Amino acid sequence: EGTIVSDKMQKTRVVEVEMVKQHPRYLKHYKVHRRFKAHDEKNEYRVGDRVMMEEVRPLSKEKRWVIISKL
C-alpha cells in the first residue's frame, strides 16, 4: 500500500511506501520511506493516488511489483 509519486514513465509508476518504526532504545516513533517501481499496464493511475501493490516475478531490472487496485 503506497502513494504514487511519479508517472512519467510508460506503464511504470513509482510508488512510495511509508512505514512507522520505533527506535529500540529511545522508543521514539519515526517514519521510513521506501520507493518501488510498479507496473501499470493501462497507464490509468496518476500522481497522488493511493494504490495497493502485489509482488510478482521480475518484469525488468528494477520492477518487481504490479498495481492491483486504487484505494
PDB file of N, CA and C in Angstrom:
ATOM      1  N   GLU A   1       0.849  -1.175   0.000  1.00  0.00           N
ATOM      2  CA  GLU A   1       0.000   0.000   0.000  1.00  0.00           C
ATOM      3  C   GLU A   1       0.896   1.240   0.000  1.00  0.00           C
ATOM      4  N   GLY A   2       0.668   2.155  -0.928  1.00  0.00           N
ATOM      5  CA  GLY A   2       1.506   3.338  -1.005  1.00  0.00           C
ATOM      6  C   GLY A   2       0.896   4.422  -1.871  1.00  0.00           C
ATOM      7  N   THR A   3       1.659   5.502  -2.071  1.00  0.00           N
ATOM      8  CA  THR A   3       1.212   6.655  -2.835  1.00  0.00           C
ATOM      9  C   THR A   3       2.095   6.813  -4.068  1.00  0.00           C
ATOM     10  N   ILE A   4       1.472   7.076  -5.209  1.00  0.00           N
ATOM     11  CA  ILE A   4       2.230   7.274  -6.444  1.00  0.00           C
ATOM     12  C   ILE A   4       2.884   8.651  -6.401  1.00  0.00           C
ATOM     13  N   VAL A   5       4.205   8.675  -6.639  1.00  0.00           N
ATOM     14  CA  VAL A   5       4.945   9.936  -6.606  1.00  0.00           C
ATOM     15  C   VAL A   5       5.471  10.324  -7.987  1.00  0.00           C
ATOM     16  N   SER A   6       5.435   9.395  -8.965  1.00  0.00           N
ATOM     17  CA  SER A   6       5.884   9.716 -10.317  1.00  0.00           C
ATOM     18  C   SER A   6       5.127   8.852 -11.319  1.00  0.00           C
ATOM     19  N   ASP A   7       4.675   9.501 -12.422  1.00  0.00           N
ATOM     20  CA  ASP A   7       4.001   8.762 -13.500  1.00  0.00           C
ATOM     21  C   ASP A   7       4.584   9.151 -14.857  1.00  0.00           C
ATOM     22  N   LYS A   8       5.872   9.483 -14.897  1.00  0.00           N
ATOM     23  CA  LYS A   8       6.492   9.973 -16.127  1.00  0.00           C
ATOM     24  C   LYS A   8       6.896   8.866 -17.083  1.00  0.00           C
ATOM     25  N   MET A   9       6.998   7.621 -16.580  1.00  0.00           N
ATOM     26  CA  MET A   9       7.373   6.507 -17.448  1.00  0.00           C
ATOM     27  C   MET A   9       6.130   5.835 -18.006  1.00  0.00           C
ATOM     28  N   GLN A  10       6.273   5.184 -19.148  1.00  0.00           N
ATOM     29  CA  GLN A  10       5.147   4.461 -19.730  1.00  0.00           C
ATOM     30  C   GLN A  10       4.997   3.114 -19.042  1.00  0.00           C
ATOM     31  N   LYS A  11       3.773   2.802 -18.607  1.00  0.00           N
ATOM     32  CA  LYS A  11       3.415   1.544 -17.954  1.00  0.00           C
ATOM     33  C   LYS A  11       4.165   1.291 -16.650  1.00  0.00           C
ATOM     34  N   THR A  12       4.789   2.313 -16.094  1.00  0.00           N
ATOM     35  CA  THR A  12       5.506   2.172 -14.827  1.00  0.00           C
ATOM     36  C   THR A  12       5.191   3.359 -13.931  1.00  0.00           C
ATOM     37  N   ARG A  13       4.965   3.085 -12.667  1.00  0.00           N
ATOM     38  CA  ARG A  13       4.709   4.127 -11.677  1.00  0.00           C
ATOM     39  C   ARG A  13       5.678   3.942 -10.524  1.00  0.00           C
ATOM     40  N   VAL A  14       6.117   5.049  -9.928  1.00  0.00           N
ATOM     41  CA  VAL A  14       6.963   4.983  -8.738  1.00  0.00           C
ATOM     42  C   VAL A  14       6.041   5.164  -7.540  1.00  0.00           C
ATOM     43  N   VAL A  15       6.025   4.154  -6.673  1.00  0.00           N
ATOM     44  CA  VAL A  15       5.134   4.149  -5.512  1.00  0.00           C
ATOM     45  C   VAL A  15       5.984   4.263  -4.251  1.00  0.00           C
ATOM     46  N   GLU A  16       5.639   5.236  -3.406  1.00  0.00           N
ATOM     47  CA  GLU A  16       6.359   5.429  -2.153  1.00  0.00           C
ATOM     48  C   GLU A  16       5.539   4.848  -1.011  1.00  0.00           C
ATOM     49  N   VAL A  17       6.182   3.960  -0.263  1.00  0.00           N
ATOM     50  CA  VAL A  17       5.543   3.310   0.879  1.00  0.00           C
ATOM     51  C   VAL A  17       6.126   3.908   2.146  1.00  0.00           C
ATOM     52  N   GLU A  18       5.258   4.316   3.064  1.00  0.00           N
ATOM     53  CA  GLU A  18       5.688   4.930   4.311  1.00  0.00           C
ATOM     54  C   GLU A  18       5.418   3.965   5.460  1.00  0.00           C
ATOM     55  N   MET A  19       6.441   3.717   6.272  1.00  0.00           N
ATOM     56  CA  MET A  19       6.299   2.837   7.423  1.00  0.00           C
ATOM     57  C   MET A  19       6.679   3.601   8.684  1.00  0.00           C
ATOM     58  N   VAL A  20       6.038   3.293   9.787  1.00  0.00           N
ATOM     59  CA  VAL A  20       6.368   3.906  11.070  1.00  0.00           C
ATOM     60  C   VAL A  20       7.115   2.867  11.887  1.00  0.00           C
ATOM     61  N   LYS A  21       8.339   3.233  12.312  1.00  0.00           N
ATOM     62  CA  LYS A  21       9.162   2.327  13.111  1.00  0.00           C
ATOM     63  C   LYS A  21       9.395   2.945  14.473  1.00  0.00           C
ATOM     64  N   GLN A  22       9.855   2.111  15.388  1.00  0.00           N
ATOM     65  CA  GLN A  22      10.143   2.588  16.734  1.00  0.00           C
ATOM     66  C   GLN A  22      11.610   2.320  17.050  1.00  0.00           C
ATOM     67  N   HIS A  23      12.282   3.328  17.589  1.00  0.00           N
ATOM     68  CA  HIS A  23      13.688   3.177  17.947  1.00  0.00           C
ATOM     69  C   HIS A  23      13.796   2.186  19.109  1.00  0.00           C
ATOM     70  N   PRO A  24      14.719   1.213  18.996  1.00  0.00           N
ATOM     71  CA  PRO A  24      14.772   0.176  20.029  1.00  0.00           C
ATOM     72  C   PRO A  24      15.160   0.669  21.423  1.00  0.00           C
ATOM     73  N   ARG A  25      15.986   1.696  21.489  1.00  0.00           N
ATOM     74  CA  ARG A  25      16.426   2.173  22.800  1.00  0.00           C
ATOM     75  C   ARG A  25      15.586   3.338  23.329  1.00  0.00           C
ATOM     76  N   TYR A  26      15.332   4.329  22.468  1.00  0.00           N
ATOM     77  CA  TYR A  26      14.658   5.544  22.921  1.00  0.00           C
ATOM     78  C   TYR A  26      13.145   5.496  22.728  1.00  0.00           C
ATOM     79  N   LEU A  27      12.648   4.457  22.071  1.00  0.00           N
ATOM     80  CA  LEU A  27      11.208   4.205  21.907  1.00  0.00           C
ATOM     81  C   LEU A  27      10.467   5.315  21.175  1.00  0.00           C
ATOM     82  N   LYS A  28      11.209   6.154  20.453  1.00  0.00           N
ATOM     83  CA  LYS A  28      10.573   7.217  19.679  1.00  0.00           C
ATOM     84  C   LYS A  28      10.125   6.649  18.334  1.00  0.00           C
ATOM     85  N   HIS A  29       8.979   7.089  17.862  1.00  0.00           N
ATOM     86  CA  HIS A  29       8.459   6.654  16.565  1.00  0.00           C
ATOM     87  C   HIS A  29       8.980   7.574  15.474  1.00  0.00           C
ATOM     88  N   TYR A  30       9.347   6.986  14.329  1.00  0.00           N
ATOM     89  CA  TYR A  30       9.815   7.772  13.194  1.00  0.00           C
ATOM     90  C   TYR A  30       9.360   7.120  11.901  1.00  0.00           C
ATOM     91  N   LYS A  31       9.272   7.924  10.847  1.00  0.00           N
ATOM     92  CA  LYS A  31       8.791   7.444   9.554  1.00  0.00           C
ATOM     93  C   LYS A  31       9.951   7.053   8.661  1.00  0.00           C
ATOM     94  N   VAL A  32       9.752   5.964   7.920  1.00  0.00           N
ATOM     95  CA  VAL A  32      10.729   5.491   6.951  1.00  0.00           C
ATOM     96  C   VAL A  32      10.013   5.391   5.610  1.00  0.00           C
ATOM     97  N   HIS A  33      10.626   5.934   4.547  1.00  0.00           N
ATOM     98  CA  HIS A  33      10.036   5.905   3.216  1.00  0.00           C
ATOM     99  C   HIS A  33      10.827   4.964   2.334  1.00  0.00           C
ATOM    100  N   ARG A  34      10.131   4.239   1.464  1.00  0.00           N
ATOM    101  CA  ARG A  34      10.813   3.372   0.505  1.00  0.00           C
ATOM    102  C   ARG A  34      10.065   3.472  -0.821  1.00  0.00           C
ATOM    103  N   ARG A  35      10.815   3.529  -1.920  1.00  0.00           N
ATOM    104  CA  ARG A  35      10.203   3.689  -3.238  1.00  0.00           C
ATOM    105  C   ARG A  35      10.337   2.411  -4.051  1.00  0.00           C
ATOM    106  N   PHE A  36       9.249   2.049  -4.718  1.00  0.00           N
ATOM    107  CA  PHE A  36       9.224   0.869  -5.567  1.00  0.00           C
ATOM    108  C   PHE A  36       8.727   1.260  -6.951  1.00  0.00           C
ATOM    109  N   LYS A  37       9.256   0.610  -7.985  1.00  0.00           N
ATOM    110  CA  LYS A  37       8.716   0.777  -9.333  1.00  0.00           C
ATOM    111  C   LYS A  37       7.675  -0.311  -9.537  1.00  0.00           C
ATOM    112  N   ALA A  38       6.474   0.084  -9.936  1.00  0.00           N
ATOM    113  CA  ALA A  38       5.364  -0.850 -10.088  1.00  0.00           C
ATOM    114  C   ALA A  38       4.788  -0.754 -11.491  1.00  0.00           C
ATOM    115  N   HIS A  39       4.332  -1.887 -12.014  1.00  0.00           N
ATOM    116  CA  HIS A  39       3.792  -1.970 -13.371  1.00  0.00           C
ATOM    117  C   HIS A  39       2.336  -1.505 -13.387  1.00  0.00           C
ATOM    118  N   ASP A  40       1.993  -0.689 -14.381  1.00  0.00           N
ATOM    119  CA  ASP A  40       0.624  -0.188 -14.586  1.00  0.00           C
ATOM    120  C   ASP A  40       0.314  -0.356 -16.064  1.00  0.00           C
ATOM    121  N   GLU A  41      -0.301  -1.459 -16.427  1.00  0.00           N
ATOM    122  CA  GLU A  41      -0.486  -1.846 -17.831  1.00  0.00           C
ATOM    123  C   GLU A  41      -1.256  -0.809 -18.646  1.00  0.00           C
ATOM    124  N   LYS A  42      -2.307  -0.196 -18.070  1.00  0.00           N
ATOM    125  CA  LYS A  42      -3.182   0.708 -18.835  1.00  0.00           C
ATOM    126  C   LYS A  42      -2.870   2.182 -18.626  1.00  0.00           C
ATOM    127  N   ASN A  43      -1.809   2.512 -17.882  1.00  0.00           N
ATOM    128  CA  ASN A  43      -1.462   3.908 -17.581  1.00  0.00           C
ATOM    129  C   ASN A  43      -2.640   4.665 -16.981  1.00  0.00           C
ATOM    130  N   GLU A  44      -3.366   4.032 -16.051  1.00  0.00           N
ATOM    131  CA  GLU A  44      -4.581   4.647 -15.511  1.00  0.00           C
ATOM    132  C   GLU A  44      -4.387   5.362 -14.180  1.00  0.00           C
ATOM    133  N   TYR A  45      -3.277   5.135 -13.482  1.00  0.00           N
ATOM    134  CA  TYR A  45      -3.068   5.749 -12.172  1.00  0.00           C
ATOM    135  C   TYR A  45      -2.194   6.990 -12.303  1.00  0.00           C
ATOM    136  N   ARG A  46      -2.461   7.998 -11.460  1.00  0.00           N
ATOM    137  CA  ARG A  46      -1.776   9.285 -11.541  1.00  0.00           C
ATOM    138  C   ARG A  46      -1.109   9.629 -10.206  1.00  0.00           C
ATOM    139  N   VAL A  47      -0.284  10.679 -10.218  1.00  0.00           N
ATOM    140  CA  VAL A  47       0.424  11.123  -9.018  1.00  0.00           C
ATOM    141  C   VAL A  47      -0.593  11.473  -7.929  1.00  0.00           C
ATOM    142  N   GLY A  48      -0.341  11.001  -6.715  1.00  0.00           N
ATOM    143  CA  GLY A  48      -1.203  11.281  -5.573  1.00  0.00           C
ATOM    144  C   GLY A  48      -2.186  10.175  -5.264  1.00  0.00           C
ATOM    145  N   ASP A  49      -2.373   9.215  -6.179  1.00  0.00           N
ATOM    146  CA  ASP A  49      -3.311   8.117  -5.943  1.00  0.00           C
ATOM    147  C   ASP A  49      -2.742   7.159  -4.899  1.00  0.00           C
ATOM    148  N   ARG A  50      -3.607   6.692  -3.975  1.00  0.00           N
ATOM    149  CA  ARG A  50      -3.218   5.629  -3.042  1.00  0.00           C
ATOM    150  C   ARG A  50      -3.535   4.312  -3.725  1.00  0.00           C
ATOM    151  N   VAL A  51      -2.562   3.416  -3.800  1.00  0.00           N
ATOM    152  CA  VAL A  51      -2.735   2.166  -4.529  1.00  0.00           C
ATOM    153  C   VAL A  51      -2.276   0.975  -3.694  1.00  0.00           C
ATOM    154  N   MET A  52      -2.762  -0.212  -4.078  1.00  0.00           N
ATOM    155  CA  MET A  52      -2.345  -1.474  -3.486  1.00  0.00           C
ATOM    156  C   MET A  52      -1.485  -2.189  -4.509  1.00  0.00           C
ATOM    157  N   MET A  53      -0.323  -2.712  -4.059  1.00  0.00           N
ATOM    158  CA  MET A  53       0.600  -3.393  -4.960  1.00  0.00           C
ATOM    159  C   MET A  53       0.699  -4.865  -4.575  1.00  0.00           C
ATOM    160  N   GLU A  54       1.172  -5.664  -5.555  1.00  0.00           N
ATOM    161  CA  GLU A  54       1.388  -7.081  -5.321  1.00  0.00           C
ATOM    162  C   GLU A  54       2.732  -7.462  -5.926  1.00  0.00           C
ATOM    163  N   GLU A  55       3.508  -8.277  -5.222  1.00  0.00           N
ATOM    164  CA  GLU A  55       4.813  -8.690  -5.719  1.00  0.00           C
ATOM    165  C   GLU A  55       4.641  -9.777  -6.777  1.00  0.00           C
ATOM    166  N   VAL A  56       5.401  -9.649  -7.874  1.00  0.00           N
ATOM    167  CA  VAL A  56       5.334 -10.607  -8.981  1.00  0.00           C
ATOM    168  C   VAL A  56       6.747 -10.964  -9.420  1.00  0.00           C
ATOM    169  N   ARG A  57       6.863 -11.785 -10.453  1.00  0.00           N
ATOM    170  CA  ARG A  57       8.170 -12.137 -10.996  1.00  0.00           C
ATOM    171  C   ARG A  57       8.833 -10.878 -11.529  1.00  0.00           C
ATOM    172  N   PRO A  58      10.154 -10.859 -11.682  1.00  0.00           N
ATOM    173  CA  PRO A  58      10.824  -9.665 -12.206  1.00  0.00           C
ATOM    174  C   PRO A  58      10.351  -9.317 -13.616  1.00  0.00           C
ATOM    175  N   LEU A  59       9.895  -8.076 -13.788  1.00  0.00           N
ATOM    176  CA  LEU A  59       9.417  -7.600 -15.086  1.00  0.00           C
ATOM    177  C   LEU A  59      10.507  -6.820 -15.816  1.00  0.00           C
ATOM    178  N   SER A  60      11.457  -6.274 -15.078  1.00  0.00           N
ATOM    179  CA  SER A  60      12.600  -5.571 -15.650  1.00  0.00           C
ATOM    180  C   SER A  60      13.691  -5.542 -14.590  1.00  0.00           C
ATOM    181  N   LYS A  61      14.718  -4.743 -14.803  1.00  0.00           N
ATOM    182  CA  LYS A  61      15.835  -4.695 -13.863  1.00  0.00           C
ATOM    183  C   LYS A  61      15.400  -4.314 -12.446  1.00  0.00           C
ATOM    184  N   GLU A  62      14.507  -3.328 -12.326  1.00  0.00           N
ATOM    185  CA  GLU A  62      14.090  -2.840 -11.005  1.00  0.00           C
ATOM    186  C   GLU A  62      12.614  -3.080 -10.692  1.00  0.00           C
ATOM    187  N   LYS A  63      11.844  -3.539 -11.655  1.00  0.00           N
ATOM    188  CA  LYS A  63      10.389  -3.628 -11.485  1.00  0.00           C
ATOM    189  C   LYS A  63       9.969  -5.036 -11.091  1.00  0.00           C
ATOM    190  N   ARG A  64       9.474  -5.184  -9.834  1.00  0.00           N
ATOM    191  CA  ARG A  64       9.028  -6.473  -9.335  1.00  0.00           C
ATOM    192  C   ARG A  64       7.655  -6.397  -8.676  1.00  0.00           C
ATOM    193  N   TRP A  65       6.936  -5.335  -8.943  1.00  0.00           N
ATOM    194  CA  TRP A  65       5.624  -5.106  -8.335  1.00  0.00           C
ATOM    195  C   TRP A  65       4.618  -4.766  -9.431  1.00  0.00           C
ATOM    196  N   VAL A  66       3.361  -5.043  -9.179  1.00  0.00           N
ATOM    197  CA  VAL A  66       2.292  -4.665 -10.087  1.00  0.00           C
ATOM    198  C   VAL A  66       1.176  -4.027  -9.258  1.00  0.00           C
ATOM    199  N   ILE A  67       0.583  -2.961  -9.794  1.00  0.00           N
ATOM    200  CA  ILE A  67      -0.511  -2.274  -9.100  1.00  0.00           C
ATOM    201  C   ILE A  67      -1.793  -3.063  -9.353  1.00  0.00           C
ATOM    202  N   ILE A  68      -2.498  -3.413  -8.269  1.00  0.00           N
ATOM    203  CA  ILE A  68      -3.710  -4.215  -8.450  1.00  0.00           C
ATOM    204  C   ILE A  68      -4.998  -3.415  -8.250  1.00  0.00           C
ATOM    205  N   SER A  69      -4.945  -2.344  -7.443  1.00  0.00           N
ATOM    206  CA  SER A  69      -6.170  -1.572  -7.244  1.00  0.00           C
ATOM    207  C   SER A  69      -5.856  -0.189  -6.664  1.00  0.00           C
ATOM    208  N   LYS A  70      -6.854   0.686  -6.780  1.00  0.00           N
ATOM    209  CA  LYS A  70      -6.777   2.017  -6.198  1.00  0.00           C
ATOM    210  C   LYS A  70      -7.574   1.998  -4.902  1.00  0.00           C
ATOM    211  N   LEU A  71      -7.067   2.672  -3.883  1.00  0.00           N
ATOM    212  CA  LEU A  71      -7.757   2.688  -2.577  1.00  0.00           C
ATOM    213  C   LEU A  71      -8.618   3.917  -2.419  1.00  0.00           C
TER     214      LEU A  71
END
